C-alpha atoms as a PDB file:
ATOM      1  CA  UNK A   1      -0.136  -5.692 -13.103  1.00  0.00           C
ATOM      2  CA  UNK A   2       1.069  -9.186 -13.532  1.00  0.00           C
ATOM      3  CA  UNK A   3       2.349 -11.531 -10.872  1.00  0.00           C
ATOM      4  CA  UNK A   4       5.738 -11.482 -12.582  1.00  0.00           C
ATOM      5  CA  UNK A   5       6.148  -7.809 -11.730  1.00  0.00           C
ATOM      6  CA  UNK A   6       7.425  -7.339  -8.165  1.00  0.00           C
ATOM      7  CA  UNK A   7       6.100  -3.777  -7.817  1.00  0.00           C
ATOM      8  CA  UNK A   8       3.209  -3.669  -5.308  1.00  0.00           C
ATOM      9  CA  UNK A   9       3.029   0.141  -5.057  1.00  0.00           C
ATOM     10  CA  UNK A  10      -0.518   0.458  -6.418  1.00  0.00           C
ATOM     11  CA  UNK A  11      -1.991  -1.984  -3.914  1.00  0.00           C
ATOM     12  CA  UNK A  12      -0.178  -0.192  -1.087  1.00  0.00           C
ATOM     13  CA  UNK A  13      -1.363   3.194  -2.305  1.00  0.00           C
ATOM     14  CA  UNK A  14      -4.990   2.053  -2.425  1.00  0.00           C
ATOM     15  CA  UNK A  15      -4.797   0.473   1.029  1.00  0.00           C
ATOM     16  CA  UNK A  16      -3.190   3.597   2.527  1.00  0.00           C
ATOM     17  CA  UNK A  17      -5.631   5.942   0.856  1.00  0.00           C
ATOM     18  CA  UNK A  18      -8.639   3.933   2.036  1.00  0.00           C
ATOM     19  CA  UNK A  19      -7.285   3.718   5.580  1.00  0.00           C
ATOM     20  CA  UNK A  20      -6.820   7.489   5.751  1.00  0.00           C
ATOM     21  CA  UNK A  21     -10.232   8.227   4.280  1.00  0.00           C
ATOM     22  CA  UNK A  22     -11.853   5.877   6.811  1.00  0.00           C
ATOM     23  CA  UNK A  23     -10.008   7.357   9.818  1.00  0.00           C
ATOM     24  CA  UNK A  24      -7.940   4.229  10.430  1.00  0.00           C
ATOM     25  CA  UNK A  25      -4.466   4.460  11.911  1.00  0.00           C
ATOM     26  CA  UNK A  26      -1.543   3.509   9.722  1.00  0.00           C
ATOM     27  CA  UNK A  27      -1.091  -0.238   9.529  1.00  0.00           C
ATOM     28  CA  UNK A  28       1.138  -2.258   7.253  1.00  0.00           C
ATOM     29  CA  UNK A  29      -0.590  -5.518   8.235  1.00  0.00           C
ATOM     30  CA  UNK A  30      -1.746  -6.194   4.666  1.00  0.00           C
ATOM     31  CA  UNK A  31       1.731  -5.734   3.173  1.00  0.00           C
ATOM     32  CA  UNK A  32       2.535  -9.448   3.186  1.00  0.00           C
ATOM     33  CA  UNK A  33      -0.906 -10.595   2.025  1.00  0.00           C
ATOM     34  CA  UNK A  34      -0.064 -10.696  -1.638  1.00  0.00           C
ATOM     35  CA  UNK A  35       1.064 -13.328  -4.087  1.00  0.00           C
ATOM     36  CA  UNK A  36       3.666 -10.812  -5.197  1.00  0.00           C
ATOM     37  CA  UNK A  37       5.201 -10.907  -1.733  1.00  0.00           C
ATOM     38  CA  UNK A  38       5.190 -14.700  -1.734  1.00  0.00           C
ATOM     39  CA  UNK A  39       6.954 -14.759  -5.096  1.00  0.00           C
ATOM     40  CA  UNK A  40       9.235 -11.696  -4.979  1.00  0.00           C
ATOM     41  CA  UNK A  41       9.742 -11.027  -1.280  1.00  0.00           C
ATOM     42  CA  UNK A  42      11.460  -7.864  -0.080  1.00  0.00           C
ATOM     43  CA  UNK A  43      11.055  -5.705  -3.199  1.00  0.00           C
ATOM     44  CA  UNK A  44       7.288  -6.100  -3.236  1.00  0.00           C
ATOM     45  CA  UNK A  45       7.197  -5.320   0.486  1.00  0.00           C
ATOM     46  CA  UNK A  46       9.237  -2.130   0.019  1.00  0.00           C
ATOM     47  CA  UNK A  47       7.128  -0.888  -2.884  1.00  0.00           C
ATOM     48  CA  UNK A  48       3.932  -1.669  -0.971  1.00  0.00           C
ATOM     49  CA  UNK A  49       5.121   0.422   1.987  1.00  0.00           C
ATOM     50  CA  UNK A  50       6.142   3.321  -0.270  1.00  0.00           C
ATOM     51  CA  UNK A  51       2.731   3.268  -1.936  1.00  0.00           C
ATOM     52  CA  UNK A  52       0.946   2.929   1.391  1.00  0.00           C
ATOM     53  CA  UNK A  53       2.709   5.960   2.861  1.00  0.00           C
ATOM     54  CA  UNK A  54       1.940   8.086  -0.192  1.00  0.00           C
ATOM     55  CA  UNK A  55      -1.681   6.915  -0.349  1.00  0.00           C
ATOM     56  CA  UNK A  56      -2.145   7.612   3.348  1.00  0.00           C
ATOM     57  CA  UNK A  57      -0.680  11.107   2.970  1.00  0.00           C
ATOM     58  CA  UNK A  58      -2.931  11.924   0.009  1.00  0.00           C
ATOM     59  CA  UNK A  59      -5.955  10.384   1.752  1.00  0.00           C
ATOM     60  CA  UNK A  60      -5.402  12.564   4.819  1.00  0.00           C
ATOM     61  CA  UNK A  61      -5.131  15.625   2.617  1.00  0.00           C
ATOM     62  CA  UNK A  62      -8.279  14.777   0.643  1.00  0.00           C
ATOM     63  CA  UNK A  63     -10.266  13.944   3.784  1.00  0.00           C
ATOM     64  CA  UNK A  64      -9.456  17.334   5.336  1.00  0.00           C
ATOM     65  CA  UNK A  65     -10.509  19.423   2.334  1.00  0.00           C
END
């Protein structure tokens, strides 16, 4: 992904998945730690949170298999 693209879904997904697999509680603390957020603002934040939620859900499912 380029910095010109405001979609931060993939980074959110990976963070959420890793948190779930490592038994961490949900935390959106890393959502604003991206150059995409600094450049694009709200849209990158929203897509990060969507990706994080989905990644966390899938991580919980995979961990409990």
